[in-house]
Amino acid sequence: MTSWQVQDAKARFSAFLDATLKKGPQIVTRRGIETAVMVPIEEWKRMQRAARPGLKALLLAPEARFENLIAERRSVRRRVPLEFK
Protein backbone atom coordinates (compact mmCIF):
# COMPACT_ATOMS: atom_id res chain seq x y z
CA MET A 1 0.00 0.00 0.00
CA THR A 2 1.16 3.49 -0.80
CA SER A 3 1.17 6.18 1.86
CA TRP A 4 0.04 9.77 1.18
CA GLN A 5 0.36 12.79 3.44
CA VAL A 6 -3.02 14.42 3.95
CA GLN A 7 -1.99 17.66 2.24
CA ASP A 8 -0.77 15.72 -0.84
CA ALA A 9 -3.97 13.67 -0.96
CA LYS A 10 -6.04 16.86 -0.82
CA ALA A 11 -3.96 18.70 -3.41
CA ARG A 12 -3.82 15.76 -5.83
CA PHE A 13 -7.12 14.05 -5.07
CA SER A 14 -7.66 12.91 -8.65
CA ALA A 15 -4.28 11.13 -8.69
CA PHE A 16 -5.02 9.76 -5.21
CA LEU A 17 -8.35 8.33 -6.45
CA ASP A 18 -6.74 6.89 -9.60
CA ALA A 19 -4.04 5.20 -7.51
CA THR A 20 -6.73 3.68 -5.30
CA LEU A 21 -8.61 2.28 -8.28
CA LYS A 22 -5.48 0.94 -10.04
CA LYS A 23 -3.22 -0.17 -7.17
CA GLY A 24 -5.67 -0.85 -4.34
CA PRO A 25 -5.99 0.68 -0.86
CA GLN A 26 -4.05 3.89 -0.16
CA ILE A 27 -3.05 5.04 3.33
CA VAL A 28 -3.42 8.68 4.42
CA THR A 29 -1.07 10.00 7.10
CA ARG A 30 -1.34 13.10 9.25
CA ARG A 31 1.87 14.27 10.92
CA GLY A 32 3.45 10.91 10.11
CA ILE A 33 0.71 8.85 11.78
CA GLU A 34 -1.42 6.51 9.67
CA THR A 35 -4.91 7.97 9.96
CA ALA A 36 -7.18 6.63 7.22
CA VAL A 37 -7.36 4.28 4.27
CA MET A 38 -9.08 4.84 0.94
CA VAL A 39 -10.31 1.64 -0.70
CA PRO A 40 -12.18 0.91 -3.94
CA ILE A 41 -15.95 0.55 -3.50
CA GLU A 42 -15.96 -3.14 -4.52
CA GLU A 43 -13.51 -3.98 -1.75
CA TRP A 44 -15.50 -1.92 0.75
CA LYS A 45 -18.72 -3.78 -0.13
CA ARG A 46 -16.90 -7.12 0.14
CA MET A 47 -15.60 -6.21 3.58
CA GLN A 48 -19.07 -5.14 4.71
CA ARG A 49 -20.61 -8.43 3.56
CA ALA A 50 -17.86 -10.41 5.29
CA ALA A 51 -18.28 -8.50 8.55
CA ARG A 52 -22.04 -9.09 8.85
CA PRO A 53 -23.15 -12.71 9.26
CA GLY A 54 -26.25 -13.84 7.40
CA LEU A 55 -29.28 -15.51 8.95
CA LYS A 56 -28.01 -18.96 8.01
CA ALA A 57 -24.68 -18.32 9.73
CA LEU A 58 -26.47 -17.04 12.85
CA LEU A 59 -28.75 -20.08 13.02
CA LEU A 60 -25.95 -22.60 12.43
CA ALA A 61 -23.45 -20.97 14.80
CA PRO A 62 -22.48 -23.15 17.78
CA GLU A 63 -22.79 -20.26 20.22
CA ALA A 64 -25.79 -17.99 20.75
CA ARG A 65 -25.52 -14.48 19.33
CA PHE A 66 -28.05 -12.05 20.70
CA GLU A 67 -26.43 -8.65 20.23
CA ASN A 68 -27.99 -7.87 16.82
CA LEU A 69 -31.17 -9.94 16.91
CA ILE A 70 -33.44 -7.76 19.02
CA ALA A 71 -34.04 -4.20 17.88
CA GLU A 72 -33.96 -1.44 20.45
CA ARG A 73 -37.34 -0.17 21.55
CA ARG A 74 -38.16 3.36 20.66
CA SER A 75 -39.76 5.68 23.12
CA VAL A 76 -43.12 6.44 21.60
CA ARG A 77 -45.51 9.02 22.92
CA ARG A 78 -48.92 7.48 23.26
CA ARG A 79 -52.19 9.24 22.67
CA VAL A 80 -54.48 10.02 25.52
CA PRO A 81 -57.35 7.48 25.48
CA LEU A 82 -60.72 8.76 24.41
CA GLU A 83 -63.50 8.73 26.96
CA PHE A 84 -66.92 7.61 25.75
CA LYS A 85 -70.07 8.95 27.30
C-alpha atoms as a PDB file:
ATOM      1  CA  MET A   1       0.000   0.000   0.000  1.00  0.00           C
ATOM      2  CA  THR A   2       1.162   3.489  -0.802  1.00  0.00           C
ATOM      3  CA  SER A   3       1.173   6.182   1.863  1.00  0.00           C
ATOM      4  CA  TRP A   4       0.040   9.769   1.177  1.00  0.00           C
ATOM      5  CA  GLN A   5       0.360  12.787   3.437  1.00  0.00           C
ATOM      6  CA  VAL A   6      -3.024  14.415   3.952  1.00  0.00           C
ATOM      7  CA  GLN A   7      -1.988  17.664   2.238  1.00  0.00           C
ATOM      8  CA  ASP A   8      -0.768  15.720  -0.841  1.00  0.00           C
ATOM      9  CA  ALA A   9      -3.971  13.667  -0.959  1.00  0.00           C
ATOM     10  CA  LYS A  10      -6.038  16.859  -0.821  1.00  0.00           C
ATOM     11  CA  ALA A  11      -3.956  18.702  -3.407  1.00  0.00           C
ATOM     12  CA  ARG A  12      -3.819  15.758  -5.829  1.00  0.00           C
ATOM     13  CA  PHE A  13      -7.123  14.046  -5.068  1.00  0.00           C
ATOM     14  CA  SER A  14      -7.662  12.906  -8.652  1.00  0.00           C
ATOM     15  CA  ALA A  15      -4.280  11.134  -8.686  1.00  0.00           C
ATOM     16  CA  PHE A  16      -5.023   9.756  -5.214  1.00  0.00           C
ATOM     17  CA  LEU A  17      -8.345   8.328  -6.446  1.00  0.00           C
ATOM     18  CA  ASP A  18      -6.744   6.892  -9.603  1.00  0.00           C
ATOM     19  CA  ALA A  19      -4.039   5.201  -7.513  1.00  0.00           C
ATOM     20  CA  THR A  20      -6.726   3.681  -5.297  1.00  0.00           C
ATOM     21  CA  LEU A  21      -8.607   2.278  -8.281  1.00  0.00           C
ATOM     22  CA  LYS A  22      -5.483   0.939 -10.039  1.00  0.00           C
ATOM     23  CA  LYS A  23      -3.223  -0.167  -7.166  1.00  0.00           C
ATOM     24  CA  GLY A  24      -5.673  -0.853  -4.339  1.00  0.00           C
ATOM     25  CA  PRO A  25      -5.985   0.684  -0.860  1.00  0.00           C
ATOM     26  CA  GLN A  26      -4.053   3.887  -0.160  1.00  0.00           C
ATOM     27  CA  ILE A  27      -3.052   5.041   3.330  1.00  0.00           C
ATOM     28  CA  VAL A  28      -3.422   8.682   4.420  1.00  0.00           C
ATOM     29  CA  THR A  29      -1.072   9.996   7.103  1.00  0.00           C
ATOM     30  CA  ARG A  30      -1.340  13.095   9.246  1.00  0.00           C
ATOM     31  CA  ARG A  31       1.868  14.269  10.919  1.00  0.00           C
ATOM     32  CA  GLY A  32       3.453  10.913  10.106  1.00  0.00           C
ATOM     33  CA  ILE A  33       0.714   8.847  11.782  1.00  0.00           C
ATOM     34  CA  GLU A  34      -1.416   6.509   9.665  1.00  0.00           C
ATOM     35  CA  THR A  35      -4.913   7.970   9.959  1.00  0.00           C
ATOM     36  CA  ALA A  36      -7.179   6.633   7.224  1.00  0.00           C
ATOM     37  CA  VAL A  37      -7.363   4.276   4.265  1.00  0.00           C
ATOM     38  CA  MET A  38      -9.083   4.844   0.943  1.00  0.00           C
ATOM     39  CA  VAL A  39     -10.310   1.638  -0.699  1.00  0.00           C
ATOM     40  CA  PRO A  40     -12.182   0.913  -3.945  1.00  0.00           C
ATOM     41  CA  ILE A  41     -15.946   0.548  -3.502  1.00  0.00           C
ATOM     42  CA  GLU A  42     -15.956  -3.140  -4.522  1.00  0.00           C
ATOM     43  CA  GLU A  43     -13.505  -3.977  -1.753  1.00  0.00           C
ATOM     44  CA  TRP A  44     -15.499  -1.924   0.751  1.00  0.00           C
ATOM     45  CA  LYS A  45     -18.717  -3.782  -0.127  1.00  0.00           C
ATOM     46  CA  ARG A  46     -16.903  -7.125   0.135  1.00  0.00           C
ATOM     47  CA  MET A  47     -15.598  -6.215   3.585  1.00  0.00           C
ATOM     48  CA  GLN A  48     -19.074  -5.139   4.707  1.00  0.00           C
ATOM     49  CA  ARG A  49     -20.612  -8.433   3.560  1.00  0.00           C
ATOM     50  CA  ALA A  50     -17.860 -10.410   5.287  1.00  0.00           C
ATOM     51  CA  ALA A  51     -18.283  -8.504   8.550  1.00  0.00           C
ATOM     52  CA  ARG A  52     -22.037  -9.089   8.847  1.00  0.00           C
ATOM     53  CA  PRO A  53     -23.149 -12.711   9.256  1.00  0.00           C
ATOM     54  CA  GLY A  54     -26.249 -13.841   7.397  1.00  0.00           C
ATOM     55  CA  LEU A  55     -29.279 -15.508   8.950  1.00  0.00           C
ATOM     56  CA  LYS A  56     -28.013 -18.959   8.009  1.00  0.00           C
ATOM     57  CA  ALA A  57     -24.682 -18.323   9.727  1.00  0.00           C
ATOM     58  CA  LEU A  58     -26.471 -17.039  12.849  1.00  0.00           C
ATOM     59  CA  LEU A  59     -28.750 -20.082  13.024  1.00  0.00           C
ATOM     60  CA  LEU A  60     -25.951 -22.595  12.431  1.00  0.00           C
ATOM     61  CA  ALA A  61     -23.454 -20.974  14.802  1.00  0.00           C
ATOM     62  CA  PRO A  62     -22.475 -23.154  17.779  1.00  0.00           C
ATOM     63  CA  GLU A  63     -22.790 -20.257  20.217  1.00  0.00           C
ATOM     64  CA  ALA A  64     -25.791 -17.993  20.753  1.00  0.00           C
ATOM     65  CA  ARG A  65     -25.516 -14.482  19.328  1.00  0.00           C
ATOM     66  CA  PHE A  66     -28.054 -12.054  20.699  1.00  0.00           C
ATOM     67  CA  GLU A  67     -26.433  -8.651  20.233  1.00  0.00           C
ATOM     68  CA  ASN A  68     -27.987  -7.869  16.819  1.00  0.00           C
ATOM     69  CA  LEU A  69     -31.167  -9.935  16.913  1.00  0.00           C
ATOM     70  CA  ILE A  70     -33.442  -7.760  19.018  1.00  0.00           C
ATOM     71  CA  ALA A  71     -34.039  -4.203  17.883  1.00  0.00           C
ATOM     72  CA  GLU A  72     -33.963  -1.438  20.450  1.00  0.00           C
ATOM     73  CA  ARG A  73     -37.342  -0.175  21.551  1.00  0.00           C
ATOM     74  CA  ARG A  74     -38.159   3.362  20.656  1.00  0.00           C
ATOM     75  CA  SER A  75     -39.757   5.681  23.123  1.00  0.00           C
ATOM     76  CA  VAL A  76     -43.119   6.435  21.601  1.00  0.00           C
ATOM     77  CA  ARG A  77     -45.508   9.015  22.924  1.00  0.00           C
ATOM     78  CA  ARG A  78     -48.919   7.482  23.263  1.00  0.00           C
ATOM     79  CA  ARG A  79     -52.193   9.243  22.667  1.00  0.00           C
ATOM     80  CA  VAL A  80     -54.483  10.024  25.519  1.00  0.00           C
ATOM     81  CA  PRO A  81     -57.350   7.479  25.481  1.00  0.00           C
ATOM     82  CA  LEU A  82     -60.723   8.764  24.406  1.00  0.00           C
ATOM     83  CA  GLU A  83     -63.503   8.726  26.962  1.00  0.00           C
ATOM     84  CA  PHE A  84     -66.919   7.613  25.748  1.00  0.00           C
ATOM     85  CA  LYS A  85     -70.074   8.954  27.301  1.00  0.00           C
END
